[in-house]
Amino acid sequence: NNEILTFGGDRVLVFPRDGKGDVAPLRVIRGSETQLKSVGSIAVDPVHNLIIVGTGMSSAAGIYGPQGSGSLLIYNRTDNGNAIPRAVIEGPKTGIFSIEEIQVYSPKGWIIAGQPGKDSYNQLEPEGTFVGVWSINDNGDVPPRWKIGGPKSMLKKVNGVAINVKNKEIIVPDMRLNA
């Protein structure tokens, strides 16, 4: 849709892709009804016309709350102002502390989210690091449909997520393994 999305703290800003100079945003999602807090990542599902926002990391020096304090918020792509999310994935079953990277596989409606773990700014190898996959149709305290992580995985501290659709791969950089 020729848009660039960005975020800051408690808001999502949408700019025209071809804007030049000091350009005002086309839309701003912000307000008490949005549930936006400590935004850490954002992705667009162009097929289903959605914006997915990952939250949880405090903007003040990376302080994390208790498990379940992070969330995946799903908005309509054209939402503006004090918009209520159409779905909120959060709670203890999600395992989300903070989502810092999101990719969307639109043909299947999958949200692939990387979590570096609880208190990842202060811990070299934090607990709870994983990559989870949810559906754009999930809502509430829903565990990931698939999860890569846990004590027997090689993941130490997820630092991103990429998908290679052609080869059916998820690529996960790990900050502690430098791999």
N, C-alpha and C. Protein backbone atom coordinates (compact mmCIF):
# COMPACT_ATOMS: atom_id res chain seq x y z
N ASN A 1 0.82 -1.21 0.00
CA ASN A 1 0.00 0.00 0.00
C ASN A 1 0.85 1.26 0.00
N ASN A 2 2.13 1.10 -0.33
CA ASN A 2 3.04 2.24 -0.38
C ASN A 2 3.10 3.00 0.93
N GLU A 3 3.18 2.26 2.02
CA GLU A 3 3.27 2.87 3.35
C GLU A 3 4.48 2.34 4.10
N ILE A 4 5.00 3.18 4.97
CA ILE A 4 6.07 2.79 5.88
C ILE A 4 5.51 2.91 7.29
N LEU A 5 5.64 1.84 8.06
CA LEU A 5 5.16 1.85 9.44
C LEU A 5 6.34 1.88 10.38
N THR A 6 6.18 2.63 11.45
CA THR A 6 7.19 2.68 12.49
C THR A 6 6.48 2.81 13.83
N PHE A 7 7.23 2.74 14.90
CA PHE A 7 6.62 2.81 16.22
C PHE A 7 7.52 3.59 17.17
N GLY A 8 6.94 3.99 18.26
CA GLY A 8 7.68 4.66 19.31
C GLY A 8 6.90 4.60 20.60
N GLY A 9 7.40 3.84 21.57
CA GLY A 9 6.77 3.78 22.89
C GLY A 9 5.35 3.26 22.87
N ASP A 10 4.39 4.17 22.77
CA ASP A 10 2.99 3.80 22.86
C ASP A 10 2.19 4.19 21.62
N ARG A 11 2.85 4.19 20.47
CA ARG A 11 2.13 4.58 19.25
C ARG A 11 2.72 3.91 18.02
N VAL A 12 1.88 3.81 17.00
CA VAL A 12 2.27 3.31 15.69
C VAL A 12 2.01 4.44 14.70
N LEU A 13 3.01 4.73 13.88
CA LEU A 13 2.89 5.79 12.89
C LEU A 13 2.98 5.21 11.49
N VAL A 14 2.13 5.72 10.60
CA VAL A 14 2.10 5.27 9.21
C VAL A 14 2.41 6.47 8.31
N PHE A 15 3.46 6.31 7.50
CA PHE A 15 3.90 7.39 6.61
C PHE A 15 3.77 6.96 5.16
N PRO A 16 3.65 7.91 4.25
CA PRO A 16 3.66 7.56 2.84
C PRO A 16 5.06 7.13 2.43
N ARG A 17 5.16 6.05 1.65
CA ARG A 17 6.46 5.53 1.25
C ARG A 17 7.23 6.54 0.40
N ASP A 18 6.54 7.30 -0.36
CA ASP A 18 7.22 8.24 -1.26
C ASP A 18 7.33 9.66 -0.67
N GLY A 19 7.09 9.81 0.61
CA GLY A 19 7.20 11.12 1.26
C GLY A 19 8.63 11.63 1.23
N LYS A 20 8.76 12.94 1.16
CA LYS A 20 10.09 13.56 1.16
C LYS A 20 10.08 14.71 2.16
N GLY A 21 11.15 14.84 2.92
CA GLY A 21 11.25 15.93 3.88
C GLY A 21 10.45 15.67 5.15
N ASP A 22 10.01 16.74 5.76
CA ASP A 22 9.27 16.67 7.02
C ASP A 22 7.81 16.35 6.73
N VAL A 23 7.49 15.05 6.63
CA VAL A 23 6.18 14.58 6.22
C VAL A 23 5.37 14.16 7.44
N ALA A 24 4.15 14.62 7.51
CA ALA A 24 3.24 14.21 8.59
C ALA A 24 2.78 12.78 8.34
N PRO A 25 2.54 12.03 9.42
CA PRO A 25 2.04 10.66 9.23
C PRO A 25 0.64 10.67 8.62
N LEU A 26 0.36 9.63 7.85
CA LEU A 26 -0.99 9.45 7.30
C LEU A 26 -1.97 9.07 8.40
N ARG A 27 -1.48 8.21 9.31
CA ARG A 27 -2.30 7.74 10.43
C ARG A 27 -1.39 7.55 11.65
N VAL A 28 -1.98 7.70 12.83
CA VAL A 28 -1.28 7.42 14.09
C VAL A 28 -2.24 6.63 14.98
N ILE A 29 -1.81 5.45 15.38
CA ILE A 29 -2.59 4.66 16.33
C ILE A 29 -2.01 4.97 17.71
N ARG A 30 -2.84 5.59 18.55
CA ARG A 30 -2.36 6.00 19.87
C ARG A 30 -3.55 6.34 20.75
N GLY A 31 -3.46 5.96 22.03
CA GLY A 31 -4.52 6.29 22.97
C GLY A 31 -4.77 5.17 23.95
N SER A 32 -5.60 5.44 24.93
CA SER A 32 -5.83 4.49 26.03
C SER A 32 -6.50 3.20 25.57
N GLU A 33 -7.31 3.23 24.53
CA GLU A 33 -8.01 2.03 24.06
C GLU A 33 -7.11 1.11 23.23
N THR A 34 -5.98 1.61 22.74
CA THR A 34 -5.12 0.84 21.84
C THR A 34 -4.38 -0.29 22.53
N GLN A 35 -4.17 -0.18 23.83
CA GLN A 35 -3.38 -1.11 24.64
C GLN A 35 -1.90 -1.11 24.25
N LEU A 36 -1.48 -0.11 23.49
CA LEU A 36 -0.07 -0.01 23.12
C LEU A 36 0.74 0.42 24.33
N LYS A 37 1.78 -0.36 24.61
CA LYS A 37 2.70 -0.05 25.70
C LYS A 37 4.04 -0.66 25.35
N SER A 38 5.06 0.09 25.43
CA SER A 38 6.40 -0.45 25.20
C SER A 38 6.48 -1.29 23.93
N VAL A 39 6.15 -0.68 22.82
CA VAL A 39 6.17 -1.39 21.53
C VAL A 39 7.61 -1.78 21.20
N GLY A 40 7.79 -3.04 20.78
CA GLY A 40 9.12 -3.53 20.44
C GLY A 40 9.26 -3.97 19.00
N SER A 41 8.13 -4.17 18.30
CA SER A 41 8.20 -4.63 16.92
C SER A 41 6.85 -4.43 16.24
N ILE A 42 6.90 -4.49 14.91
CA ILE A 42 5.69 -4.29 14.12
C ILE A 42 5.83 -5.04 12.80
N ALA A 43 4.71 -5.54 12.30
CA ALA A 43 4.70 -6.20 10.99
C ALA A 43 3.36 -5.95 10.33
N VAL A 44 3.32 -6.08 9.01
CA VAL A 44 2.10 -5.89 8.26
C VAL A 44 1.75 -7.19 7.54
N ASP A 45 0.49 -7.55 7.59
CA ASP A 45 -0.03 -8.65 6.79
C ASP A 45 -0.81 -8.02 5.65
N PRO A 46 -0.19 -7.90 4.46
CA PRO A 46 -0.85 -7.21 3.36
C PRO A 46 -2.03 -7.99 2.77
N VAL A 47 -2.04 -9.29 2.92
CA VAL A 47 -3.13 -10.11 2.37
C VAL A 47 -4.41 -9.92 3.18
N HIS A 48 -4.27 -9.92 4.52
CA HIS A 48 -5.43 -9.79 5.40
C HIS A 48 -5.64 -8.35 5.88
N ASN A 49 -4.78 -7.45 5.41
CA ASN A 49 -4.89 -6.02 5.72
C ASN A 49 -4.81 -5.75 7.23
N LEU A 50 -3.76 -6.30 7.85
CA LEU A 50 -3.59 -6.19 9.30
C LEU A 50 -2.24 -5.59 9.67
N ILE A 51 -2.19 -5.02 10.85
CA ILE A 51 -0.94 -4.61 11.49
C ILE A 51 -0.82 -5.44 12.75
N ILE A 52 0.34 -6.05 12.96
CA ILE A 52 0.60 -6.83 14.17
C ILE A 52 1.71 -6.12 14.94
N VAL A 53 1.47 -5.87 16.22
CA VAL A 53 2.41 -5.14 17.06
C VAL A 53 2.83 -6.02 18.24
N GLY A 54 4.13 -6.11 18.48
CA GLY A 54 4.65 -6.83 19.63
C GLY A 54 5.01 -5.85 20.73
N THR A 55 4.59 -6.15 21.96
CA THR A 55 4.87 -5.27 23.09
C THR A 55 5.53 -6.04 24.22
N GLY A 56 5.96 -5.29 25.23
CA GLY A 56 6.43 -5.93 26.44
C GLY A 56 7.68 -5.37 27.03
N MET A 57 8.59 -4.85 26.20
CA MET A 57 9.84 -4.31 26.73
C MET A 57 9.59 -2.88 27.19
N SER A 58 10.01 -2.59 28.40
CA SER A 58 9.87 -1.22 28.88
C SER A 58 10.79 -0.32 28.10
N SER A 59 10.31 0.83 27.76
CA SER A 59 11.15 1.79 27.04
C SER A 59 12.23 2.36 27.93
N ALA A 60 12.12 2.12 29.22
CA ALA A 60 13.12 2.61 30.17
C ALA A 60 14.15 1.52 30.45
N ALA A 61 15.20 1.48 29.66
CA ALA A 61 16.36 0.61 29.89
C ALA A 61 16.05 -0.87 29.81
N GLY A 62 15.03 -1.28 29.05
CA GLY A 62 14.78 -2.69 28.82
C GLY A 62 14.38 -3.46 30.05
N ILE A 63 13.51 -2.94 30.86
CA ILE A 63 13.04 -3.64 32.06
C ILE A 63 11.79 -4.42 31.70
N TYR A 64 11.78 -5.69 32.02
CA TYR A 64 10.68 -6.56 31.66
C TYR A 64 9.78 -6.79 32.86
N GLY A 65 8.50 -6.93 32.57
CA GLY A 65 7.54 -7.27 33.61
C GLY A 65 7.45 -8.77 33.77
N PRO A 66 6.46 -9.24 34.54
CA PRO A 66 6.29 -10.67 34.75
C PRO A 66 5.83 -11.36 33.48
N GLN A 67 5.97 -12.68 33.45
CA GLN A 67 5.52 -13.43 32.28
C GLN A 67 4.07 -13.09 32.00
N GLY A 68 3.75 -12.93 30.75
CA GLY A 68 2.40 -12.57 30.37
C GLY A 68 2.21 -11.07 30.23
N SER A 69 3.24 -10.27 30.54
CA SER A 69 3.08 -8.82 30.45
C SER A 69 3.24 -8.31 29.03
N GLY A 70 3.84 -9.10 28.16
CA GLY A 70 3.97 -8.72 26.77
C GLY A 70 2.75 -9.20 25.99
N SER A 71 2.64 -8.72 24.75
CA SER A 71 1.46 -9.10 23.96
C SER A 71 1.73 -8.97 22.47
N LEU A 72 0.85 -9.58 21.71
CA LEU A 72 0.74 -9.35 20.28
C LEU A 72 -0.62 -8.69 20.08
N LEU A 73 -0.61 -7.48 19.54
CA LEU A 73 -1.83 -6.73 19.29
C LEU A 73 -2.09 -6.71 17.79
N ILE A 74 -3.31 -7.01 17.39
CA ILE A 74 -3.65 -7.07 15.98
C ILE A 74 -4.68 -5.99 15.67
N TYR A 75 -4.32 -5.14 14.70
CA TYR A 75 -5.18 -4.04 14.27
C TYR A 75 -5.51 -4.19 12.79
N ASN A 76 -6.58 -3.55 12.38
CA ASN A 76 -6.84 -3.40 10.96
C ASN A 76 -5.79 -2.44 10.40
N ARG A 77 -5.33 -2.68 9.19
CA ARG A 77 -4.26 -1.85 8.63
C ARG A 77 -4.63 -0.39 8.53
N THR A 78 -5.88 -0.09 8.34
CA THR A 78 -6.31 1.29 8.17
C THR A 78 -6.76 1.95 9.48
N ASP A 79 -6.58 1.27 10.61
CA ASP A 79 -6.95 1.88 11.90
C ASP A 79 -6.20 3.18 12.11
N ASN A 80 -6.84 4.09 12.85
CA ASN A 80 -6.28 5.40 13.13
C ASN A 80 -6.81 5.86 14.48
N GLY A 81 -6.01 6.65 15.18
CA GLY A 81 -6.45 7.22 16.45
C GLY A 81 -6.48 6.20 17.57
N ASN A 82 -7.46 6.33 18.44
CA ASN A 82 -7.58 5.51 19.64
C ASN A 82 -8.30 4.20 19.31
N ALA A 83 -7.70 3.42 18.40
CA ALA A 83 -8.32 2.19 17.88
C ALA A 83 -8.20 1.03 18.87
N ILE A 84 -9.25 0.29 19.00
CA ILE A 84 -9.26 -0.92 19.81
C ILE A 84 -8.72 -2.07 18.96
N PRO A 85 -7.76 -2.85 19.47
CA PRO A 85 -7.25 -3.97 18.67
C PRO A 85 -8.38 -4.96 18.35
N ARG A 86 -8.31 -5.56 17.18
CA ARG A 86 -9.31 -6.56 16.82
C ARG A 86 -9.02 -7.89 17.53
N ALA A 87 -7.77 -8.07 17.99
CA ALA A 87 -7.39 -9.25 18.76
C ALA A 87 -6.18 -8.91 19.62
N VAL A 88 -6.10 -9.54 20.79
CA VAL A 88 -4.98 -9.36 21.72
C VAL A 88 -4.54 -10.74 22.18
N ILE A 89 -3.29 -11.07 21.90
CA ILE A 89 -2.71 -12.34 22.35
C ILE A 89 -1.80 -12.01 23.52
N GLU A 90 -2.22 -12.39 24.72
CA GLU A 90 -1.41 -12.13 25.91
C GLU A 90 -1.89 -13.02 27.05
N GLY A 91 -1.02 -13.18 28.04
CA GLY A 91 -1.34 -13.98 29.21
C GLY A 91 -0.29 -15.05 29.45
N PRO A 92 -0.39 -15.72 30.58
CA PRO A 92 0.62 -16.72 30.97
C PRO A 92 0.82 -17.86 29.98
N LYS A 93 -0.25 -18.32 29.33
CA LYS A 93 -0.11 -19.43 28.37
C LYS A 93 0.69 -19.04 27.14
N THR A 94 0.72 -17.76 26.81
CA THR A 94 1.47 -17.31 25.63
C THR A 94 2.96 -17.42 25.86
N GLY A 95 3.40 -17.26 27.12
CA GLY A 95 4.82 -17.26 27.44
C GLY A 95 5.52 -15.97 27.06
N ILE A 96 4.75 -14.96 26.65
CA ILE A 96 5.35 -13.73 26.14
C ILE A 96 5.78 -12.82 27.28
N PHE A 97 7.07 -12.47 27.28
CA PHE A 97 7.60 -11.40 28.12
C PHE A 97 7.69 -10.13 27.28
N SER A 98 8.29 -10.31 26.11
CA SER A 98 8.52 -9.19 25.21
C SER A 98 8.74 -9.73 23.81
N ILE A 99 8.04 -9.17 22.86
CA ILE A 99 8.23 -9.56 21.46
C ILE A 99 9.05 -8.47 20.80
N GLU A 100 10.20 -8.85 20.27
CA GLU A 100 11.08 -7.85 19.66
C GLU A 100 11.28 -8.04 18.17
N GLU A 101 10.68 -9.06 17.60
CA GLU A 101 10.79 -9.27 16.16
C GLU A 101 9.57 -10.06 15.71
N ILE A 102 8.95 -9.60 14.62
CA ILE A 102 7.77 -10.28 14.07
C ILE A 102 7.93 -10.40 12.56
N GLN A 103 7.55 -11.55 12.05
CA GLN A 103 7.37 -11.76 10.63
C GLN A 103 5.97 -12.33 10.44
N VAL A 104 5.38 -12.07 9.30
CA VAL A 104 4.07 -12.61 9.00
C VAL A 104 4.16 -13.43 7.72
N TYR A 105 3.60 -14.62 7.77
CA TYR A 105 3.45 -15.43 6.56
C TYR A 105 1.98 -15.34 6.17
N SER A 106 1.68 -14.38 5.32
CA SER A 106 0.31 -14.02 4.98
C SER A 106 -0.53 -15.14 4.37
N PRO A 107 0.03 -15.97 3.47
CA PRO A 107 -0.83 -17.00 2.86
C PRO A 107 -1.49 -17.92 3.89
N LYS A 108 -0.82 -18.17 4.99
CA LYS A 108 -1.38 -19.05 6.04
C LYS A 108 -1.90 -18.26 7.24
N GLY A 109 -1.64 -16.95 7.27
CA GLY A 109 -2.08 -16.15 8.42
C GLY A 109 -1.27 -16.42 9.68
N TRP A 110 0.01 -16.74 9.52
CA TRP A 110 0.86 -17.04 10.66
C TRP A 110 1.62 -15.81 11.11
N ILE A 111 1.73 -15.65 12.40
CA ILE A 111 2.55 -14.62 13.03
C ILE A 111 3.74 -15.35 13.64
N ILE A 112 4.94 -15.07 13.18
CA ILE A 112 6.15 -15.70 13.70
C ILE A 112 6.86 -14.64 14.53
N ALA A 113 6.97 -14.90 15.83
CA ALA A 113 7.48 -13.88 16.76
C ALA A 113 8.66 -14.40 17.56
N GLY A 114 9.70 -13.58 17.66
CA GLY A 114 10.88 -13.92 18.42
C GLY A 114 10.90 -13.19 19.75
N GLN A 115 11.18 -13.94 20.78
CA GLN A 115 11.27 -13.38 22.12
C GLN A 115 12.66 -13.66 22.70
N PRO A 116 13.39 -12.61 23.07
CA PRO A 116 14.75 -12.82 23.57
C PRO A 116 14.80 -13.38 24.99
N GLY A 117 13.68 -13.45 25.68
CA GLY A 117 13.65 -14.00 27.03
C GLY A 117 13.39 -12.94 28.07
N LYS A 118 13.12 -13.41 29.28
CA LYS A 118 12.82 -12.53 30.39
C LYS A 118 14.09 -11.79 30.83
N ASP A 119 13.98 -10.48 30.96
CA ASP A 119 15.08 -9.64 31.43
C ASP A 119 16.32 -9.83 30.56
N SER A 120 16.12 -9.80 29.25
CA SER A 120 17.23 -10.09 28.34
C SER A 120 18.30 -9.01 28.30
N TYR A 121 18.02 -7.83 28.83
CA TYR A 121 19.05 -6.80 28.86
C TYR A 121 20.05 -7.04 29.99
N ASN A 122 19.61 -7.70 31.04
CA ASN A 122 20.49 -7.92 32.18
C ASN A 122 21.03 -9.34 32.28
N GLN A 123 20.48 -10.26 31.51
CA GLN A 123 20.90 -11.66 31.55
C GLN A 123 21.58 -12.04 30.25
N LEU A 124 22.71 -12.72 30.36
CA LEU A 124 23.41 -13.18 29.16
C LEU A 124 22.64 -14.27 28.45
N GLU A 125 22.07 -15.18 29.22
CA GLU A 125 21.27 -16.25 28.66
C GLU A 125 19.95 -16.31 29.43
N PRO A 126 19.02 -15.42 29.09
CA PRO A 126 17.78 -15.31 29.85
C PRO A 126 16.87 -16.53 29.67
N GLU A 127 16.05 -16.77 30.69
CA GLU A 127 15.06 -17.84 30.57
C GLU A 127 13.92 -17.37 29.67
N GLY A 128 13.27 -18.32 29.04
CA GLY A 128 12.08 -17.99 28.26
C GLY A 128 12.33 -17.50 26.86
N THR A 129 13.52 -17.72 26.31
CA THR A 129 13.76 -17.30 24.92
C THR A 129 13.18 -18.35 23.98
N PHE A 130 12.44 -17.87 22.97
CA PHE A 130 11.86 -18.79 22.01
C PHE A 130 11.36 -18.04 20.79
N VAL A 131 11.02 -18.82 19.77
CA VAL A 131 10.30 -18.32 18.61
C VAL A 131 8.96 -19.04 18.64
N GLY A 132 7.88 -18.26 18.59
CA GLY A 132 6.53 -18.83 18.62
C GLY A 132 5.77 -18.47 17.37
N VAL A 133 4.82 -19.33 17.04
CA VAL A 133 3.97 -19.10 15.88
C VAL A 133 2.51 -19.10 16.34
N TRP A 134 1.84 -17.99 16.05
CA TRP A 134 0.42 -17.83 16.33
C TRP A 134 -0.32 -17.59 15.02
N SER A 135 -1.63 -17.64 15.09
CA SER A 135 -2.47 -17.34 13.93
C SER A 135 -3.02 -15.93 14.07
N ILE A 136 -3.29 -15.28 12.94
CA ILE A 136 -3.93 -13.96 12.97
C ILE A 136 -5.35 -14.07 13.55
N ASN A 137 -5.88 -15.28 13.66
CA ASN A 137 -7.21 -15.50 14.22
C ASN A 137 -7.19 -15.81 15.71
N ASP A 138 -6.00 -15.95 16.31
CA ASP A 138 -5.90 -16.20 17.74
C ASP A 138 -6.29 -14.95 18.51
N ASN A 139 -6.80 -15.15 19.71
CA ASN A 139 -7.18 -14.04 20.58
C ASN A 139 -7.21 -14.55 22.01
N GLY A 140 -6.65 -13.79 22.93
CA GLY A 140 -6.67 -14.16 24.34
C GLY A 140 -5.38 -14.83 24.78
N ASP A 141 -5.48 -15.61 25.85
CA ASP A 141 -4.34 -16.29 26.44
C ASP A 141 -4.11 -17.61 25.71
N VAL A 142 -3.51 -17.51 24.53
CA VAL A 142 -3.35 -18.64 23.63
C VAL A 142 -1.88 -19.02 23.53
N PRO A 143 -1.52 -20.28 23.81
CA PRO A 143 -0.12 -20.67 23.64
C PRO A 143 0.24 -20.68 22.16
N PRO A 144 1.53 -20.58 21.84
CA PRO A 144 1.91 -20.66 20.43
C PRO A 144 1.50 -22.00 19.84
N ARG A 145 1.12 -21.98 18.59
CA ARG A 145 0.76 -23.23 17.90
C ARG A 145 2.00 -24.09 17.72
N TRP A 146 3.13 -23.45 17.44
CA TRP A 146 4.43 -24.10 17.35
C TRP A 146 5.41 -23.25 18.11
N LYS A 147 6.41 -23.89 18.67
CA LYS A 147 7.40 -23.16 19.46
C LYS A 147 8.77 -23.79 19.25
N ILE A 148 9.76 -22.94 19.01
CA ILE A 148 11.15 -23.37 18.95
C ILE A 148 11.84 -22.75 20.16
N GLY A 149 12.36 -23.57 21.01
CA GLY A 149 13.01 -23.07 22.22
C GLY A 149 12.96 -24.12 23.30
N GLY A 150 13.34 -23.73 24.49
CA GLY A 150 13.32 -24.65 25.61
C GLY A 150 14.72 -25.12 25.96
N PRO A 151 14.82 -25.89 27.04
CA PRO A 151 16.14 -26.28 27.56
C PRO A 151 16.96 -27.15 26.62
N LYS A 152 16.34 -27.88 25.71
CA LYS A 152 17.08 -28.75 24.80
C LYS A 152 17.37 -28.10 23.45
N SER A 153 16.90 -26.87 23.27
CA SER A 153 17.20 -26.18 22.02
C SER A 153 18.55 -25.50 22.13
N MET A 154 19.06 -25.06 21.01
CA MET A 154 20.33 -24.34 21.02
C MET A 154 20.14 -22.85 21.30
N LEU A 155 18.90 -22.36 21.30
CA LEU A 155 18.66 -20.94 21.45
C LEU A 155 19.07 -20.44 22.83
N LYS A 156 19.83 -19.37 22.83
CA LYS A 156 20.26 -18.74 24.08
C LYS A 156 19.61 -17.38 24.26
N LYS A 157 19.52 -16.61 23.15
CA LYS A 157 18.94 -15.26 23.21
C LYS A 157 18.57 -14.83 21.79
N VAL A 158 17.29 -15.02 21.44
CA VAL A 158 16.80 -14.70 20.11
C VAL A 158 17.00 -13.21 19.84
N ASN A 159 17.52 -12.92 18.64
CA ASN A 159 17.80 -11.53 18.28
C ASN A 159 17.14 -11.14 16.97
N GLY A 160 16.21 -11.94 16.48
CA GLY A 160 15.52 -11.64 15.24
C GLY A 160 14.85 -12.88 14.70
N VAL A 161 14.08 -12.68 13.63
CA VAL A 161 13.40 -13.78 12.96
C VAL A 161 13.28 -13.42 11.49
N ALA A 162 13.57 -14.37 10.63
CA ALA A 162 13.34 -14.19 9.20
C ALA A 162 12.74 -15.49 8.68
N ILE A 163 11.98 -15.38 7.61
CA ILE A 163 11.41 -16.60 7.03
C ILE A 163 11.87 -16.73 5.58
N ASN A 164 12.20 -17.96 5.22
CA ASN A 164 12.57 -18.31 3.86
C ASN A 164 11.46 -19.22 3.34
N VAL A 165 10.49 -18.63 2.69
CA VAL A 165 9.31 -19.36 2.25
C VAL A 165 9.67 -20.44 1.25
N LYS A 166 10.55 -20.13 0.31
CA LYS A 166 10.91 -21.08 -0.75
C LYS A 166 11.41 -22.40 -0.16
N ASN A 167 12.25 -22.33 0.87
CA ASN A 167 12.82 -23.55 1.46
C ASN A 167 12.16 -23.96 2.77
N LYS A 168 11.04 -23.30 3.11
CA LYS A 168 10.28 -23.62 4.33
C LYS A 168 11.16 -23.57 5.56
N GLU A 169 11.88 -22.45 5.72
CA GLU A 169 12.81 -22.29 6.83
C GLU A 169 12.46 -21.06 7.66
N ILE A 170 12.75 -21.15 8.94
CA ILE A 170 12.75 -19.99 9.83
C ILE A 170 14.20 -19.76 10.23
N ILE A 171 14.68 -18.56 10.03
CA ILE A 171 16.08 -18.22 10.33
C ILE A 171 16.06 -17.38 11.60
N VAL A 172 16.81 -17.81 12.61
CA VAL A 172 16.81 -17.16 13.91
C VAL A 172 18.21 -16.80 14.32
N PRO A 173 18.59 -15.53 14.26
CA PRO A 173 19.90 -15.14 14.78
C PRO A 173 19.88 -15.21 16.31
N ASP A 174 20.97 -15.68 16.86
CA ASP A 174 21.09 -15.80 18.31
C ASP A 174 22.25 -14.93 18.78
N MET A 175 21.92 -14.01 19.67
CA MET A 175 22.88 -13.01 20.13
C MET A 175 24.02 -13.62 20.95
N ARG A 176 23.75 -14.65 21.72
CA ARG A 176 24.78 -15.23 22.57
C ARG A 176 25.63 -16.25 21.84
N LEU A 177 25.06 -16.96 20.91
CA LEU A 177 25.84 -17.92 20.13
C LEU A 177 26.57 -17.25 18.99
N ASN A 178 26.20 -16.00 18.71
CA ASN A 178 26.75 -15.27 17.58
C ASN A 178 26.62 -16.13 16.32
N ALA A 179 25.41 -16.66 16.17
CA ALA A 179 25.14 -17.59 15.07
C ALA A 179 23.72 -17.40 14.56
